[in-house]
Amino acid sequence: MTTAKPSPPSSRAAALLARVSLFADLPPEELSRLAASLRLLAYRAETLLFAEGDAGDRMYGTK
């Protein structure tokens, strides 16, 4: 089951991204632009998100 949640305000999402080492060195305007493109989804525990060999057409961050 996938449940789409409303995205947080961009400034909150940008602050979360800034704590990830991959994005930490981006300037604030780039973080904001990236944050605006996020889609937050919730999945039940043990849900298979992708499998070996699947096309890499998106990026997942987990909490």
N, C-alpha and C. Protein backbone atom coordinates (compact mmCIF):
# COMPACT_ATOMS: atom_id res chain seq x y z
N MET A 1 0.85 -1.18 0.00
CA MET A 1 0.00 0.00 0.00
C MET A 1 0.89 1.24 0.00
N THR A 2 0.63 2.15 -0.88
CA THR A 2 1.35 3.41 -0.93
C THR A 2 0.38 4.52 -0.56
N THR A 3 0.78 5.36 0.35
CA THR A 3 -0.04 6.48 0.74
C THR A 3 0.76 7.75 0.53
N ALA A 4 0.31 8.58 -0.37
CA ALA A 4 1.00 9.84 -0.61
C ALA A 4 0.65 10.80 0.52
N LYS A 5 1.66 11.45 1.06
CA LYS A 5 1.46 12.45 2.09
C LYS A 5 1.75 13.81 1.48
N PRO A 6 1.11 14.84 1.99
CA PRO A 6 1.44 16.17 1.49
C PRO A 6 2.90 16.47 1.75
N SER A 7 3.56 17.08 0.80
CA SER A 7 4.96 17.46 0.99
C SER A 7 5.06 18.55 2.04
N PRO A 8 6.12 18.51 2.83
CA PRO A 8 6.30 19.58 3.82
C PRO A 8 6.68 20.87 3.09
N PRO A 9 6.57 22.00 3.78
CA PRO A 9 7.02 23.24 3.14
C PRO A 9 8.45 23.07 2.65
N SER A 10 8.75 23.66 1.53
CA SER A 10 10.08 23.51 0.92
C SER A 10 11.21 23.83 1.87
N SER A 11 11.04 24.83 2.72
CA SER A 11 12.14 25.19 3.62
C SER A 11 12.43 24.06 4.61
N ARG A 12 11.41 23.36 5.07
CA ARG A 12 11.63 22.22 5.97
C ARG A 12 12.32 21.08 5.23
N ALA A 13 11.85 20.79 4.02
CA ALA A 13 12.46 19.73 3.22
C ALA A 13 13.91 20.08 2.89
N ALA A 14 14.18 21.33 2.57
CA ALA A 14 15.54 21.77 2.27
C ALA A 14 16.44 21.58 3.50
N ALA A 15 15.92 21.87 4.68
CA ALA A 15 16.70 21.69 5.90
C ALA A 15 17.01 20.21 6.13
N LEU A 16 16.06 19.34 5.82
CA LEU A 16 16.31 17.90 5.95
C LEU A 16 17.37 17.45 4.96
N LEU A 17 17.29 17.92 3.72
CA LEU A 17 18.28 17.56 2.70
C LEU A 17 19.67 18.04 3.10
N ALA A 18 19.75 19.20 3.71
CA ALA A 18 21.05 19.77 4.09
C ALA A 18 21.76 18.90 5.12
N ARG A 19 21.01 18.05 5.84
CA ARG A 19 21.61 17.16 6.83
C ARG A 19 22.12 15.87 6.21
N VAL A 20 21.86 15.66 4.93
CA VAL A 20 22.34 14.47 4.23
C VAL A 20 23.67 14.82 3.57
N SER A 21 24.70 14.04 3.83
CA SER A 21 26.04 14.39 3.35
C SER A 21 26.10 14.59 1.84
N LEU A 22 25.31 13.85 1.08
CA LEU A 22 25.30 13.98 -0.38
C LEU A 22 24.91 15.39 -0.82
N PHE A 23 24.03 16.04 -0.05
CA PHE A 23 23.50 17.35 -0.42
C PHE A 23 24.02 18.48 0.44
N ALA A 24 24.77 18.18 1.48
CA ALA A 24 25.16 19.17 2.48
C ALA A 24 25.90 20.38 1.92
N ASP A 25 26.66 20.21 0.85
CA ASP A 25 27.45 21.32 0.31
C ASP A 25 26.72 22.15 -0.74
N LEU A 26 25.48 21.81 -1.03
CA LEU A 26 24.72 22.59 -2.01
C LEU A 26 24.33 23.93 -1.42
N PRO A 27 24.33 24.98 -2.24
CA PRO A 27 23.88 26.28 -1.75
C PRO A 27 22.37 26.23 -1.44
N PRO A 28 21.89 27.10 -0.56
CA PRO A 28 20.49 27.09 -0.16
C PRO A 28 19.48 27.13 -1.32
N GLU A 29 19.80 27.89 -2.36
CA GLU A 29 18.85 27.98 -3.48
C GLU A 29 18.75 26.64 -4.23
N GLU A 30 19.84 25.90 -4.31
CA GLU A 30 19.80 24.57 -4.94
C GLU A 30 19.05 23.58 -4.07
N LEU A 31 19.26 23.66 -2.76
CA LEU A 31 18.53 22.79 -1.83
C LEU A 31 17.03 23.06 -1.94
N SER A 32 16.65 24.32 -2.04
CA SER A 32 15.23 24.68 -2.17
C SER A 32 14.64 24.14 -3.46
N ARG A 33 15.40 24.24 -4.53
CA ARG A 33 14.90 23.74 -5.82
C ARG A 33 14.73 22.22 -5.77
N LEU A 34 15.70 21.54 -5.19
CA LEU A 34 15.61 20.09 -5.05
C LEU A 34 14.45 19.71 -4.13
N ALA A 35 14.30 20.41 -3.02
CA ALA A 35 13.23 20.13 -2.07
C ALA A 35 11.85 20.28 -2.71
N ALA A 36 11.71 21.23 -3.61
CA ALA A 36 10.42 21.45 -4.26
C ALA A 36 10.01 20.27 -5.15
N SER A 37 10.97 19.45 -5.54
CA SER A 37 10.65 18.32 -6.42
C SER A 37 10.41 17.01 -5.65
N LEU A 38 10.52 17.04 -4.32
CA LEU A 38 10.34 15.83 -3.53
C LEU A 38 8.88 15.40 -3.47
N ARG A 39 8.71 14.11 -3.36
CA ARG A 39 7.39 13.52 -3.11
C ARG A 39 7.55 12.58 -1.92
N LEU A 40 6.82 12.85 -0.87
CA LEU A 40 6.92 12.01 0.32
C LEU A 40 5.85 10.92 0.26
N LEU A 41 6.29 9.70 0.46
CA LEU A 41 5.39 8.55 0.43
C LEU A 41 5.60 7.72 1.68
N ALA A 42 4.56 7.03 2.11
CA ALA A 42 4.66 6.13 3.26
C ALA A 42 4.35 4.72 2.78
N TYR A 43 5.12 3.78 3.23
CA TYR A 43 4.93 2.37 2.88
C TYR A 43 4.83 1.56 4.15
N ARG A 44 4.10 0.47 4.08
CA ARG A 44 4.04 -0.45 5.21
C ARG A 44 5.40 -1.13 5.37
N ALA A 45 5.71 -1.53 6.59
CA ALA A 45 6.96 -2.24 6.86
C ALA A 45 7.03 -3.48 5.97
N GLU A 46 8.23 -3.78 5.53
CA GLU A 46 8.52 -4.96 4.70
C GLU A 46 8.02 -4.85 3.26
N THR A 47 7.55 -3.67 2.84
CA THR A 47 7.14 -3.46 1.45
C THR A 47 8.37 -3.46 0.56
N LEU A 48 8.33 -4.22 -0.51
CA LEU A 48 9.43 -4.25 -1.47
C LEU A 48 9.35 -2.99 -2.33
N LEU A 49 10.38 -2.16 -2.27
CA LEU A 49 10.39 -0.91 -3.04
C LEU A 49 11.01 -1.11 -4.41
N PHE A 50 12.02 -1.96 -4.49
CA PHE A 50 12.67 -2.26 -5.76
C PHE A 50 13.45 -3.56 -5.59
N ALA A 51 13.82 -4.14 -6.70
CA ALA A 51 14.54 -5.41 -6.68
C ALA A 51 15.77 -5.30 -7.57
N GLU A 52 16.72 -6.18 -7.36
CA GLU A 52 17.93 -6.22 -8.18
C GLU A 52 17.52 -6.33 -9.64
N GLY A 53 18.12 -5.49 -10.47
CA GLY A 53 17.84 -5.50 -11.90
C GLY A 53 16.79 -4.49 -12.32
N ASP A 54 16.05 -3.89 -11.37
CA ASP A 54 15.07 -2.87 -11.72
C ASP A 54 15.79 -1.64 -12.29
N ALA A 55 15.12 -0.95 -13.20
CA ALA A 55 15.67 0.29 -13.74
C ALA A 55 15.80 1.32 -12.62
N GLY A 56 16.89 2.06 -12.62
CA GLY A 56 17.09 3.10 -11.60
C GLY A 56 16.49 4.41 -12.06
N ASP A 57 15.18 4.56 -11.91
CA ASP A 57 14.51 5.76 -12.42
C ASP A 57 14.09 6.73 -11.32
N ARG A 58 14.49 6.47 -10.06
CA ARG A 58 14.19 7.40 -8.98
C ARG A 58 15.14 7.14 -7.82
N MET A 59 15.09 8.02 -6.86
CA MET A 59 15.95 7.91 -5.68
C MET A 59 15.06 7.83 -4.45
N TYR A 60 15.42 6.95 -3.54
CA TYR A 60 14.66 6.80 -2.31
C TYR A 60 15.50 7.25 -1.13
N GLY A 61 14.88 7.98 -0.24
CA GLY A 61 15.45 8.28 1.06
C GLY A 61 14.54 7.64 2.08
N THR A 62 15.09 7.09 3.11
CA THR A 62 14.24 6.43 4.10
C THR A 62 14.41 7.06 5.47
N LYS A 63 13.39 6.89 6.25
CA LYS A 63 13.40 7.45 7.60
C LYS A 63 13.12 6.34 8.57
